[in-house]
Amino acid sequence: MARRKAKWSEGSVFLVPQSDGLCSVGQVLKLTPEALNSAVCAFYDIRVKPGIGVSPDKLSADKLISIQFTTLDLLNSGIWALVAQCAPKHLERMTRLPSLERASFVGAHITGSGIMMEFLDAFYGLRAWDDYADPAYFDKLLLTQDKKPSRLILTRIAKARELG
């Protein structure tokens, strides 16, 4: 059965299906047709079951793991399902955006939506993190290196020990 074309816009909150049946959460921050008809999307360390709504309050800066120019195919097709609408959050965290806009997006790197799905699977340990020709490829998609999964897992273990 074919999916209907989704009607998304800046601020749309969407779910990215993952290989274990859960979904990661993202938000469209800015439409950038000048950058090969892409959109700036934020991806969060938030996972939910398919079809579950996500409160915009959950989209906090500390949960942000990546902001990328992303292809629109999986948004347009509805594979990335829309679950909420709110003002775009955290666009200021993409610090290279103003200089790219001034340069008419020359030098912008657009990441395929399928790659972002693989990145999120790797972030949650559902596939290898360093399985690309450039083993640091996924590292470069992180907003900050402290979000790298191995460090994140160690931090979570340490916090769990503190809590007893």
C-alpha atoms as a PDB file:
ATOM      1  CA  MET A   1       0.000   0.000   0.000  1.00  0.00           C
ATOM      2  CA  ALA A   2       1.457   3.375  -1.007  1.00  0.00           C
ATOM      3  CA  ARG A   3       1.765   6.153   1.536  1.00  0.00           C
ATOM      4  CA  ARG A   4       0.247   9.537   0.824  1.00  0.00           C
ATOM      5  CA  LYS A   5       2.589  12.453   0.354  1.00  0.00           C
ATOM      6  CA  ALA A   6       3.054  14.117   3.724  1.00  0.00           C
ATOM      7  CA  LYS A   7       2.321  17.811   4.250  1.00  0.00           C
ATOM      8  CA  TRP A   8       5.127  18.954   6.496  1.00  0.00           C
ATOM      9  CA  SER A   9       6.540  22.415   7.159  1.00  0.00           C
ATOM     10  CA  GLU A  10       9.115  24.167   9.283  1.00  0.00           C
ATOM     11  CA  GLY A  11       8.459  23.076  12.852  1.00  0.00           C
ATOM     12  CA  SER A  12       7.044  19.651  11.949  1.00  0.00           C
ATOM     13  CA  VAL A  13       8.030  16.979  14.472  1.00  0.00           C
ATOM     14  CA  PHE A  14       8.490  13.545  12.926  1.00  0.00           C
ATOM     15  CA  LEU A  15       9.354   9.956  13.810  1.00  0.00           C
ATOM     16  CA  VAL A  16      12.234   8.119  12.158  1.00  0.00           C
ATOM     17  CA  PRO A  17      11.608   4.350  12.140  1.00  0.00           C
ATOM     18  CA  GLN A  18      14.476   2.234  13.396  1.00  0.00           C
ATOM     19  CA  SER A  19      15.442  -1.365  12.817  1.00  0.00           C
ATOM     20  CA  ASP A  20      14.245  -2.513  16.271  1.00  0.00           C
ATOM     21  CA  GLY A  21      10.683  -1.257  15.725  1.00  0.00           C
ATOM     22  CA  LEU A  22      10.988   1.917  17.780  1.00  0.00           C
ATOM     23  CA  CYS A  23      11.307   5.433  16.350  1.00  0.00           C
ATOM     24  CA  SER A  24      13.665   8.331  16.930  1.00  0.00           C
ATOM     25  CA  VAL A  25      12.373  11.889  17.016  1.00  0.00           C
ATOM     26  CA  GLY A  26      13.321  14.721  14.668  1.00  0.00           C
ATOM     27  CA  GLN A  27      12.123  18.204  13.778  1.00  0.00           C
ATOM     28  CA  VAL A  28      12.249  20.239  10.581  1.00  0.00           C
ATOM     29  CA  LEU A  29      13.991  23.473  11.542  1.00  0.00           C
ATOM     30  CA  LYS A  30      14.298  25.244   8.210  1.00  0.00           C
ATOM     31  CA  LEU A  31      13.425  24.588   4.595  1.00  0.00           C
ATOM     32  CA  THR A  32      16.515  25.200   2.429  1.00  0.00           C
ATOM     33  CA  PRO A  33      15.547  24.845  -1.247  1.00  0.00           C
ATOM     34  CA  GLU A  34      18.755  26.674  -2.233  1.00  0.00           C
ATOM     35  CA  ALA A  35      20.768  23.808  -0.689  1.00  0.00           C
ATOM     36  CA  LEU A  36      19.747  21.142  -3.206  1.00  0.00           C
ATOM     37  CA  ASN A  37      16.134  21.289  -2.035  1.00  0.00           C
ATOM     38  CA  SER A  38      16.931  20.018   1.455  1.00  0.00           C
ATOM     39  CA  ALA A  39      15.783  20.910   4.958  1.00  0.00           C
ATOM     40  CA  VAL A  40      17.722  21.536   8.134  1.00  0.00           C
ATOM     41  CA  CYS A  41      16.545  18.850  10.556  1.00  0.00           C
ATOM     42  CA  ALA A  42      17.315  18.273  14.220  1.00  0.00           C
ATOM     43  CA  PHE A  43      17.529  14.749  15.619  1.00  0.00           C
ATOM     44  CA  TYR A  44      17.018  14.004  19.302  1.00  0.00           C
ATOM     45  CA  ASP A  45      17.982  11.290  21.755  1.00  0.00           C
ATOM     46  CA  ILE A  46      14.321  10.430  22.232  1.00  0.00           C
ATOM     47  CA  ARG A  47      12.729   7.122  21.220  1.00  0.00           C
ATOM     48  CA  VAL A  48       9.062   6.216  21.132  1.00  0.00           C
ATOM     49  CA  LYS A  49       6.777   3.566  19.718  1.00  0.00           C
ATOM     50  CA  PRO A  50       5.457   4.180  16.187  1.00  0.00           C
ATOM     51  CA  GLY A  51       2.448   6.490  16.047  1.00  0.00           C
ATOM     52  CA  ILE A  52       3.050   8.000  19.474  1.00  0.00           C
ATOM     53  CA  GLY A  53       2.778  11.773  19.692  1.00  0.00           C
ATOM     54  CA  VAL A  54       5.687  13.794  21.003  1.00  0.00           C
ATOM     55  CA  SER A  55       5.226  16.881  23.143  1.00  0.00           C
ATOM     56  CA  PRO A  56       7.325  19.816  21.935  1.00  0.00           C
ATOM     57  CA  ASP A  57       8.454  20.204  25.569  1.00  0.00           C
ATOM     58  CA  LYS A  58      10.444  16.982  25.127  1.00  0.00           C
ATOM     59  CA  LEU A  59      12.619  18.587  22.419  1.00  0.00           C
ATOM     60  CA  SER A  60      15.179  19.952  24.845  1.00  0.00           C
ATOM     61  CA  ALA A  61      18.683  21.075  23.924  1.00  0.00           C
ATOM     62  CA  ASP A  62      20.281  18.402  26.110  1.00  0.00           C
ATOM     63  CA  LYS A  63      18.561  15.702  24.012  1.00  0.00           C
ATOM     64  CA  LEU A  64      19.850  17.124  20.710  1.00  0.00           C
ATOM     65  CA  ILE A  65      22.348  14.830  18.954  1.00  0.00           C
ATOM     66  CA  SER A  66      22.561  16.114  15.383  1.00  0.00           C
ATOM     67  CA  ILE A  67      21.459  18.957  13.108  1.00  0.00           C
ATOM     68  CA  GLN A  68      21.900  18.289   9.389  1.00  0.00           C
ATOM     69  CA  PHE A  69      20.841  19.441   5.956  1.00  0.00           C
ATOM     70  CA  THR A  70      18.758  16.395   5.064  1.00  0.00           C
ATOM     71  CA  THR A  71      17.117  15.172   1.865  1.00  0.00           C
ATOM     72  CA  LEU A  72      13.329  15.393   1.810  1.00  0.00           C
ATOM     73  CA  ASP A  73      12.390  12.020   0.301  1.00  0.00           C
ATOM     74  CA  LEU A  74      11.422  10.218   3.519  1.00  0.00           C
ATOM     75  CA  LEU A  75       9.549  13.263   4.840  1.00  0.00           C
ATOM     76  CA  ASN A  76       7.681  13.679   1.559  1.00  0.00           C
ATOM     77  CA  SER A  77       6.792  10.000   1.348  1.00  0.00           C
ATOM     78  CA  GLY A  78       5.447   9.855   4.902  1.00  0.00           C
ATOM     79  CA  ILE A  79       7.965   7.214   6.003  1.00  0.00           C
ATOM     80  CA  TRP A  80       9.104   9.792   8.519  1.00  0.00           C
ATOM     81  CA  ALA A  81       5.683  10.179  10.117  1.00  0.00           C
ATOM     82  CA  LEU A  82       4.523  13.590  11.326  1.00  0.00           C
ATOM     83  CA  VAL A  83       3.394  13.631  14.962  1.00  0.00           C
ATOM     84  CA  ALA A  84       3.382  17.280  16.089  1.00  0.00           C
ATOM     85  CA  GLN A  85       3.906  20.884  15.030  1.00  0.00           C
ATOM     86  CA  CYS A  86       5.621  23.656  16.992  1.00  0.00           C
ATOM     87  CA  ALA A  87       8.044  26.497  16.484  1.00  0.00           C
ATOM     88  CA  PRO A  88      11.441  25.212  15.283  1.00  0.00           C
ATOM     89  CA  LYS A  89      13.796  24.673  18.209  1.00  0.00           C
ATOM     90  CA  HIS A  90      17.571  24.971  18.478  1.00  0.00           C
ATOM     91  CA  LEU A  91      18.328  26.257  14.964  1.00  0.00           C
ATOM     92  CA  GLU A  92      20.929  28.552  16.541  1.00  0.00           C
ATOM     93  CA  ARG A  93      22.919  25.431  17.462  1.00  0.00           C
ATOM     94  CA  MET A  94      23.758  24.985  13.750  1.00  0.00           C
ATOM     95  CA  THR A  95      26.487  27.594  13.971  1.00  0.00           C
ATOM     96  CA  ARG A  96      27.646  27.215  10.353  1.00  0.00           C
ATOM     97  CA  LEU A  97      24.204  28.090   8.920  1.00  0.00           C
ATOM     98  CA  PRO A  98      24.618  31.914   8.739  1.00  0.00           C
ATOM     99  CA  SER A  99      27.898  31.670   6.802  1.00  0.00           C
ATOM    100  CA  LEU A 100      26.411  29.059   4.454  1.00  0.00           C
ATOM    101  CA  GLU A 101      23.404  31.311   3.827  1.00  0.00           C
ATOM    102  CA  ARG A 102      25.729  34.248   3.004  1.00  0.00           C
ATOM    103  CA  ALA A 103      27.590  31.973   0.567  1.00  0.00           C
ATOM    104  CA  SER A 104      24.331  30.874  -1.122  1.00  0.00           C
ATOM    105  CA  PHE A 105      24.840  27.445   0.469  1.00  0.00           C
ATOM    106  CA  VAL A 106      28.075  26.775  -1.417  1.00  0.00           C
ATOM    107  CA  GLY A 107      29.869  24.201   0.721  1.00  0.00           C
ATOM    108  CA  ALA A 108      26.730  22.852   2.398  1.00  0.00           C
ATOM    109  CA  HIS A 109      26.819  19.115   2.984  1.00  0.00           C
ATOM    110  CA  ILE A 110      23.462  17.420   2.470  1.00  0.00           C
ATOM    111  CA  THR A 111      23.001  14.082   4.235  1.00  0.00           C
ATOM    112  CA  GLY A 112      20.585  11.569   2.772  1.00  0.00           C
ATOM    113  CA  SER A 113      17.591  10.727   4.921  1.00  0.00           C
ATOM    114  CA  GLY A 114      18.500   7.026   4.615  1.00  0.00           C
ATOM    115  CA  ILE A 115      21.961   7.797   6.017  1.00  0.00           C
ATOM    116  CA  MET A 116      20.313   9.587   8.939  1.00  0.00           C
ATOM    117  CA  MET A 117      18.259   6.449   9.628  1.00  0.00           C
ATOM    118  CA  GLU A 118      21.477   4.400   9.676  1.00  0.00           C
ATOM    119  CA  PHE A 119      23.144   7.022  11.884  1.00  0.00           C
ATOM    120  CA  LEU A 120      20.300   6.799  14.416  1.00  0.00           C
ATOM    121  CA  ASP A 121      20.424   2.988  14.363  1.00  0.00           C
ATOM    122  CA  ALA A 122      24.170   3.196  15.073  1.00  0.00           C
ATOM    123  CA  PHE A 123      23.609   5.782  17.805  1.00  0.00           C
ATOM    124  CA  TYR A 124      21.432   3.253  19.643  1.00  0.00           C
ATOM    125  CA  GLY A 125      23.769   0.312  19.026  1.00  0.00           C
ATOM    126  CA  LEU A 126      21.531  -1.329  16.423  1.00  0.00           C
ATOM    127  CA  ARG A 127      24.338  -1.319  13.841  1.00  0.00           C
ATOM    128  CA  ALA A 128      28.068  -0.694  13.879  1.00  0.00           C
ATOM    129  CA  TRP A 129      29.140   2.897  14.486  1.00  0.00           C
ATOM    130  CA  ASP A 130      32.338   2.671  12.415  1.00  0.00           C
ATOM    131  CA  ASP A 131      31.171   0.505   9.504  1.00  0.00           C
ATOM    132  CA  TYR A 132      31.675   3.064   6.700  1.00  0.00           C
ATOM    133  CA  ALA A 133      34.795   3.492   4.534  1.00  0.00           C
ATOM    134  CA  ASP A 134      35.554   6.471   6.782  1.00  0.00           C
ATOM    135  CA  PRO A 135      35.175   4.939  10.256  1.00  0.00           C
ATOM    136  CA  ALA A 136      34.646   8.437  11.704  1.00  0.00           C
ATOM    137  CA  TYR A 137      31.787   9.288   9.303  1.00  0.00           C
ATOM    138  CA  PHE A 138      29.054   9.121  11.956  1.00  0.00           C
ATOM    139  CA  ASP A 139      31.259  11.081  14.392  1.00  0.00           C
ATOM    140  CA  LYS A 140      31.055  13.993  11.935  1.00  0.00           C
ATOM    141  CA  LEU A 141      27.234  13.946  12.071  1.00  0.00           C
ATOM    142  CA  LEU A 142      27.150  14.484  15.830  1.00  0.00           C
ATOM    143  CA  LEU A 143      26.414  17.968  17.123  1.00  0.00           C
ATOM    144  CA  THR A 144      29.135  17.489  19.758  1.00  0.00           C
ATOM    145  CA  GLN A 145      31.563  14.636  20.313  1.00  0.00           C
ATOM    146  CA  ASP A 146      30.361  14.089  23.881  1.00  0.00           C
ATOM    147  CA  LYS A 147      27.246  12.551  22.298  1.00  0.00           C
ATOM    148  CA  LYS A 148      29.281   9.710  20.759  1.00  0.00           C
ATOM    149  CA  PRO A 149      27.595   6.466  21.854  1.00  0.00           C
ATOM    150  CA  SER A 150      30.556   4.851  23.601  1.00  0.00           C
ATOM    151  CA  ARG A 151      30.994   7.944  25.773  1.00  0.00           C
ATOM    152  CA  LEU A 152      27.254   8.227  26.261  1.00  0.00           C
ATOM    153  CA  ILE A 153      26.963   4.627  27.436  1.00  0.00           C
ATOM    154  CA  LEU A 154      29.802   5.106  29.925  1.00  0.00           C
ATOM    155  CA  THR A 155      28.151   8.280  31.229  1.00  0.00           C
ATOM    156  CA  ARG A 156      24.809   6.474  31.645  1.00  0.00           C
ATOM    157  CA  ILE A 157      26.523   3.602  33.512  1.00  0.00           C
ATOM    158  CA  ALA A 158      28.297   6.088  35.809  1.00  0.00           C
ATOM    159  CA  LYS A 159      25.026   7.930  36.513  1.00  0.00           C
ATOM    160  CA  ALA A 160      23.251   4.641  37.238  1.00  0.00           C
ATOM    161  CA  ARG A 161      25.983   3.731  39.754  1.00  0.00           C
ATOM    162  CA  GLU A 162      25.640   7.150  41.431  1.00  0.00           C
ATOM    163  CA  LEU A 163      21.920   6.580  41.824  1.00  0.00           C
ATOM    164  CA  GLY A 164      22.631   3.245  43.454  1.00  0.00           C
END
